Amino acid sequence: MLRTLLLLAAMTATHAGAAIPIKLLGFDDMSCRVWSESKNDAEQRATFVAWVRGVITGHNYVNRSHQVSSISEGTVEKYVNRYCTTNPSGDFSDAAFRLSDQFSGRNEAITK
């Protein structure tokens, strides 16, 4: 019985560890709605694009064997626009993560 309880506790702890959310340091509203609304505000859009490029830099720092070598501001903007058109209720932070996954050649999320 004790062995079963320990096994269940270990499985629960492992599963709980896999569900730990990313501590995202971004804007108060990271929704695709806000991204889309920034289309006519060049300063706001530039700030969002710079944030996405910062995420990519962080990705390169952590995952040096699968770096995104070079990506223009225009490419970032087009990618996030496409993502937000397809996922209007999503967050543009998710677009940043998918972009880094795709452009690094891994095509999968970073895992421990």
N, C-alpha and C. Protein backbone atom coordinates (compact mmCIF):
# COMPACT_ATOMS: atom_id res chain seq x y z
N MET A 1 0.83 -1.19 0.00
CA MET A 1 0.00 0.00 0.00
C MET A 1 0.87 1.26 0.00
N LEU A 2 1.89 1.29 0.86
CA LEU A 2 2.79 2.43 0.93
C LEU A 2 3.51 2.62 -0.41
N ARG A 3 3.89 1.52 -1.00
CA ARG A 3 4.57 1.57 -2.30
C ARG A 3 3.66 2.19 -3.36
N THR A 4 2.39 1.86 -3.36
CA THR A 4 1.42 2.41 -4.30
C THR A 4 1.25 3.91 -4.08
N LEU A 5 1.16 4.32 -2.82
CA LEU A 5 1.02 5.74 -2.51
C LEU A 5 2.24 6.53 -2.96
N LEU A 6 3.42 5.98 -2.74
CA LEU A 6 4.64 6.66 -3.17
C LEU A 6 4.70 6.78 -4.69
N LEU A 7 4.28 5.74 -5.38
CA LEU A 7 4.25 5.77 -6.83
C LEU A 7 3.27 6.82 -7.33
N LEU A 8 2.10 6.88 -6.73
CA LEU A 8 1.10 7.90 -7.12
C LEU A 8 1.61 9.31 -6.83
N ALA A 9 2.25 9.49 -5.71
CA ALA A 9 2.80 10.81 -5.36
C ALA A 9 3.87 11.22 -6.37
N ALA A 10 4.73 10.29 -6.76
CA ALA A 10 5.78 10.59 -7.73
C ALA A 10 5.19 10.94 -9.09
N MET A 11 4.16 10.20 -9.49
CA MET A 11 3.51 10.48 -10.77
C MET A 11 2.83 11.85 -10.74
N THR A 12 2.21 12.19 -9.65
CA THR A 12 1.54 13.49 -9.52
C THR A 12 2.57 14.61 -9.55
N ALA A 13 3.66 14.44 -8.86
CA ALA A 13 4.71 15.47 -8.83
C ALA A 13 5.31 15.66 -10.22
N THR A 14 5.54 14.57 -10.94
CA THR A 14 6.08 14.66 -12.29
C THR A 14 5.11 15.36 -13.21
N HIS A 15 3.85 15.02 -13.11
CA HIS A 15 2.83 15.64 -13.95
C HIS A 15 2.69 17.12 -13.61
N ALA A 16 2.70 17.44 -12.34
CA ALA A 16 2.57 18.83 -11.92
C ALA A 16 3.76 19.65 -12.42
N GLY A 17 4.95 19.07 -12.42
CA GLY A 17 6.13 19.77 -12.90
C GLY A 17 6.04 20.09 -14.38
N ALA A 18 5.41 19.22 -15.14
CA ALA A 18 5.27 19.44 -16.57
C ALA A 18 4.31 20.58 -16.87
N ALA A 19 3.43 20.89 -15.93
CA ALA A 19 2.42 21.91 -16.16
C ALA A 19 2.81 23.28 -15.61
N ILE A 20 4.04 23.43 -15.19
CA ILE A 20 4.48 24.71 -14.64
C ILE A 20 4.48 25.74 -15.76
N PRO A 21 3.75 26.83 -15.59
CA PRO A 21 3.67 27.83 -16.66
C PRO A 21 4.95 28.66 -16.76
N ILE A 22 5.18 29.21 -17.92
CA ILE A 22 6.31 30.10 -18.14
C ILE A 22 6.02 31.42 -17.44
N LYS A 23 6.98 31.95 -16.74
CA LYS A 23 6.84 33.26 -16.11
C LYS A 23 7.14 34.30 -17.17
N LEU A 24 6.09 34.80 -17.77
CA LEU A 24 6.18 35.70 -18.91
C LEU A 24 6.32 37.14 -18.45
N LEU A 25 7.40 37.78 -18.86
CA LEU A 25 7.63 39.19 -18.56
C LEU A 25 7.32 39.98 -19.82
N GLY A 26 6.11 40.48 -19.88
CA GLY A 26 5.68 41.18 -21.09
C GLY A 26 4.82 42.37 -20.75
N PHE A 27 3.81 42.56 -21.55
CA PHE A 27 2.89 43.67 -21.40
C PHE A 27 1.66 43.23 -20.62
N ASP A 28 0.91 44.18 -20.10
CA ASP A 28 -0.30 43.84 -19.35
C ASP A 28 -1.29 43.07 -20.21
N ASP A 29 -1.37 43.40 -21.48
CA ASP A 29 -2.28 42.72 -22.40
C ASP A 29 -1.47 42.23 -23.59
N MET A 30 -1.33 40.93 -23.71
CA MET A 30 -0.54 40.32 -24.79
C MET A 30 -1.46 39.66 -25.83
N SER A 31 -2.70 40.06 -25.86
CA SER A 31 -3.68 39.41 -26.73
C SER A 31 -3.44 39.76 -28.20
N CYS A 32 -3.89 38.87 -29.05
CA CYS A 32 -3.83 39.14 -30.48
C CYS A 32 -4.73 40.34 -30.83
N ARG A 33 -5.75 40.57 -30.07
CA ARG A 33 -6.61 41.74 -30.28
C ARG A 33 -5.79 43.01 -30.15
N VAL A 34 -4.98 43.11 -29.09
CA VAL A 34 -4.14 44.29 -28.88
C VAL A 34 -3.09 44.39 -29.99
N TRP A 35 -2.52 43.26 -30.37
CA TRP A 35 -1.56 43.26 -31.48
C TRP A 35 -2.22 43.85 -32.73
N SER A 36 -3.39 43.36 -33.08
CA SER A 36 -4.09 43.83 -34.27
C SER A 36 -4.44 45.31 -34.19
N GLU A 37 -4.83 45.75 -33.01
CA GLU A 37 -5.17 47.17 -32.82
C GLU A 37 -3.93 48.07 -32.94
N SER A 38 -2.75 47.53 -32.73
CA SER A 38 -1.53 48.34 -32.81
C SER A 38 -1.10 48.61 -34.25
N LYS A 39 -1.82 48.06 -35.20
CA LYS A 39 -1.47 48.22 -36.62
C LYS A 39 -1.32 49.70 -37.00
N ASN A 40 -2.19 50.55 -36.47
CA ASN A 40 -2.18 51.97 -36.81
C ASN A 40 -1.39 52.83 -35.82
N ASP A 41 -0.67 52.20 -34.91
CA ASP A 41 0.15 52.91 -33.94
C ASP A 41 1.59 52.41 -34.10
N ALA A 42 2.35 53.09 -34.94
CA ALA A 42 3.70 52.62 -35.30
C ALA A 42 4.60 52.43 -34.08
N GLU A 43 4.48 53.33 -33.11
CA GLU A 43 5.34 53.23 -31.92
C GLU A 43 5.00 51.99 -31.09
N GLN A 44 3.70 51.75 -30.90
CA GLN A 44 3.27 50.57 -30.14
C GLN A 44 3.66 49.28 -30.86
N ARG A 45 3.45 49.25 -32.18
CA ARG A 45 3.78 48.05 -32.95
C ARG A 45 5.28 47.79 -32.90
N ALA A 46 6.08 48.84 -33.01
CA ALA A 46 7.54 48.69 -32.94
C ALA A 46 7.97 48.14 -31.58
N THR A 47 7.28 48.57 -30.52
CA THR A 47 7.59 48.07 -29.18
C THR A 47 7.26 46.58 -29.09
N PHE A 48 6.12 46.18 -29.64
CA PHE A 48 5.74 44.76 -29.62
C PHE A 48 6.73 43.92 -30.43
N VAL A 49 7.12 44.41 -31.61
CA VAL A 49 8.07 43.68 -32.46
C VAL A 49 9.41 43.54 -31.74
N ALA A 50 9.84 44.61 -31.08
CA ALA A 50 11.10 44.55 -30.32
C ALA A 50 11.00 43.51 -29.20
N TRP A 51 9.85 43.41 -28.55
CA TRP A 51 9.67 42.42 -27.49
C TRP A 51 9.80 41.00 -28.06
N VAL A 52 9.16 40.77 -29.21
CA VAL A 52 9.25 39.45 -29.84
C VAL A 52 10.70 39.13 -30.19
N ARG A 53 11.42 40.10 -30.72
CA ARG A 53 12.84 39.87 -31.05
C ARG A 53 13.64 39.59 -29.78
N GLY A 54 13.26 40.18 -28.66
CA GLY A 54 13.90 39.88 -27.38
C GLY A 54 13.65 38.44 -26.95
N VAL A 55 12.43 37.95 -27.20
CA VAL A 55 12.12 36.55 -26.90
C VAL A 55 13.04 35.64 -27.73
N ILE A 56 13.22 35.99 -28.98
CA ILE A 56 14.08 35.18 -29.86
C ILE A 56 15.53 35.22 -29.36
N THR A 57 15.98 36.38 -28.90
CA THR A 57 17.32 36.47 -28.33
C THR A 57 17.44 35.57 -27.10
N GLY A 58 16.42 35.57 -26.25
CA GLY A 58 16.41 34.68 -25.09
C GLY A 58 16.45 33.22 -25.51
N HIS A 59 15.69 32.90 -26.56
CA HIS A 59 15.70 31.54 -27.10
C HIS A 59 17.12 31.17 -27.54
N ASN A 60 17.79 32.08 -28.25
CA ASN A 60 19.15 31.80 -28.72
C ASN A 60 20.12 31.62 -27.55
N TYR A 61 19.92 32.38 -26.49
CA TYR A 61 20.79 32.28 -25.32
C TYR A 61 20.66 30.91 -24.66
N VAL A 62 19.43 30.44 -24.56
CA VAL A 62 19.16 29.17 -23.87
C VAL A 62 19.45 27.96 -24.75
N ASN A 63 19.26 28.11 -26.03
CA ASN A 63 19.31 26.96 -26.93
C ASN A 63 20.32 27.23 -28.05
N ARG A 64 21.57 27.30 -27.69
CA ARG A 64 22.61 27.73 -28.62
C ARG A 64 22.83 26.79 -29.80
N SER A 65 22.43 25.56 -29.67
CA SER A 65 22.61 24.63 -30.78
C SER A 65 21.50 24.75 -31.83
N HIS A 66 20.44 25.48 -31.53
CA HIS A 66 19.33 25.69 -32.47
C HIS A 66 18.93 27.16 -32.47
N GLN A 67 19.84 28.01 -32.87
CA GLN A 67 19.56 29.45 -32.84
C GLN A 67 18.82 29.92 -34.08
N VAL A 68 18.06 30.99 -33.89
CA VAL A 68 17.48 31.72 -35.02
C VAL A 68 18.60 32.66 -35.46
N SER A 69 19.10 32.48 -36.67
CA SER A 69 20.30 33.21 -37.07
C SER A 69 20.03 34.68 -37.34
N SER A 70 19.02 34.99 -38.10
CA SER A 70 18.73 36.38 -38.42
C SER A 70 17.27 36.47 -38.83
N ILE A 71 16.61 37.50 -38.34
CA ILE A 71 15.19 37.67 -38.68
C ILE A 71 14.87 39.16 -38.65
N SER A 72 14.26 39.63 -39.70
CA SER A 72 13.97 41.06 -39.81
C SER A 72 12.71 41.43 -39.03
N GLU A 73 12.58 42.72 -38.76
CA GLU A 73 11.38 43.21 -38.09
C GLU A 73 10.15 42.92 -38.94
N GLY A 74 10.28 43.06 -40.26
CA GLY A 74 9.16 42.78 -41.15
C GLY A 74 8.71 41.33 -41.10
N THR A 75 9.67 40.42 -41.02
CA THR A 75 9.34 39.00 -40.93
C THR A 75 8.63 38.71 -39.62
N VAL A 76 9.11 39.30 -38.54
CA VAL A 76 8.45 39.13 -37.24
C VAL A 76 7.01 39.62 -37.33
N GLU A 77 6.83 40.81 -37.86
CA GLU A 77 5.49 41.39 -37.94
C GLU A 77 4.56 40.54 -38.79
N LYS A 78 5.02 40.07 -39.94
CA LYS A 78 4.20 39.22 -40.81
C LYS A 78 3.84 37.91 -40.12
N TYR A 79 4.80 37.32 -39.42
CA TYR A 79 4.55 36.05 -38.74
C TYR A 79 3.48 36.23 -37.66
N VAL A 80 3.63 37.26 -36.84
CA VAL A 80 2.67 37.48 -35.77
C VAL A 80 1.31 37.86 -36.34
N ASN A 81 1.28 38.65 -37.42
CA ASN A 81 0.00 38.96 -38.07
C ASN A 81 -0.72 37.68 -38.50
N ARG A 82 0.03 36.79 -39.15
CA ARG A 82 -0.56 35.51 -39.60
C ARG A 82 -1.05 34.70 -38.42
N TYR A 83 -0.21 34.61 -37.37
CA TYR A 83 -0.60 33.84 -36.19
C TYR A 83 -1.89 34.40 -35.59
N CYS A 84 -1.95 35.71 -35.45
CA CYS A 84 -3.11 36.33 -34.80
C CYS A 84 -4.36 36.27 -35.67
N THR A 85 -4.19 36.23 -36.98
CA THR A 85 -5.34 36.04 -37.87
C THR A 85 -5.91 34.63 -37.69
N THR A 86 -5.02 33.67 -37.57
CA THR A 86 -5.43 32.27 -37.39
C THR A 86 -5.93 32.00 -35.97
N ASN A 87 -5.38 32.71 -34.99
CA ASN A 87 -5.70 32.50 -33.56
C ASN A 87 -6.13 33.82 -32.92
N PRO A 88 -7.27 34.38 -33.34
CA PRO A 88 -7.66 35.71 -32.86
C PRO A 88 -7.86 35.80 -31.35
N SER A 89 -8.15 34.71 -30.70
CA SER A 89 -8.33 34.75 -29.24
C SER A 89 -7.04 34.37 -28.51
N GLY A 90 -5.94 34.21 -29.26
CA GLY A 90 -4.66 33.85 -28.67
C GLY A 90 -3.89 35.06 -28.19
N ASP A 91 -2.65 34.82 -27.82
CA ASP A 91 -1.73 35.87 -27.37
C ASP A 91 -0.56 35.95 -28.34
N PHE A 92 -0.08 37.17 -28.57
CA PHE A 92 1.05 37.28 -29.48
C PHE A 92 2.34 36.76 -28.86
N SER A 93 2.34 36.55 -27.56
CA SER A 93 3.50 35.90 -26.94
C SER A 93 3.62 34.46 -27.45
N ASP A 94 2.49 33.79 -27.65
CA ASP A 94 2.53 32.43 -28.21
C ASP A 94 3.09 32.45 -29.62
N ALA A 95 2.76 33.49 -30.38
CA ALA A 95 3.33 33.62 -31.73
C ALA A 95 4.85 33.73 -31.65
N ALA A 96 5.34 34.47 -30.67
CA ALA A 96 6.80 34.62 -30.50
C ALA A 96 7.45 33.26 -30.23
N PHE A 97 6.83 32.46 -29.38
CA PHE A 97 7.39 31.15 -29.06
C PHE A 97 7.36 30.23 -30.28
N ARG A 98 6.25 30.23 -31.02
CA ARG A 98 6.14 29.39 -32.22
C ARG A 98 7.13 29.84 -33.28
N LEU A 99 7.34 31.16 -33.41
CA LEU A 99 8.28 31.69 -34.37
C LEU A 99 9.69 31.19 -34.05
N SER A 100 10.08 31.27 -32.79
CA SER A 100 11.42 30.82 -32.42
C SER A 100 11.56 29.32 -32.64
N ASP A 101 10.49 28.57 -32.38
CA ASP A 101 10.52 27.12 -32.62
C ASP A 101 10.73 26.83 -34.11
N GLN A 102 9.96 27.52 -34.95
CA GLN A 102 10.01 27.26 -36.38
C GLN A 102 11.31 27.74 -37.02
N PHE A 103 11.73 28.96 -36.72
CA PHE A 103 12.90 29.52 -37.38
C PHE A 103 14.22 28.97 -36.85
N SER A 104 14.19 28.27 -35.72
CA SER A 104 15.40 27.66 -35.20
C SER A 104 15.67 26.30 -35.86
N GLY A 105 14.68 25.80 -36.59
CA GLY A 105 14.83 24.51 -37.24
C GLY A 105 14.38 23.34 -36.40
N ARG A 106 13.99 23.61 -35.16
CA ARG A 106 13.55 22.53 -34.27
C ARG A 106 12.11 22.13 -34.57
N ASN A 107 11.27 23.11 -34.84
CA ASN A 107 9.83 22.90 -35.10
C ASN A 107 9.12 22.19 -33.95
N GLU A 108 9.62 22.39 -32.75
CA GLU A 108 8.96 21.86 -31.56
C GLU A 108 9.33 22.74 -30.39
N ALA A 109 8.47 22.75 -29.38
CA ALA A 109 8.71 23.58 -28.21
C ALA A 109 9.93 23.09 -27.44
N ILE A 110 10.60 24.02 -26.77
CA ILE A 110 11.74 23.65 -25.91
C ILE A 110 11.21 22.89 -24.71
N THR A 111 11.84 21.79 -24.40
CA THR A 111 11.47 21.03 -23.19
C THR A 111 12.73 20.78 -22.39
N LYS A 112 12.54 20.51 -21.11
CA LYS A 112 13.68 20.21 -20.25
C LYS A 112 14.22 18.84 -20.54
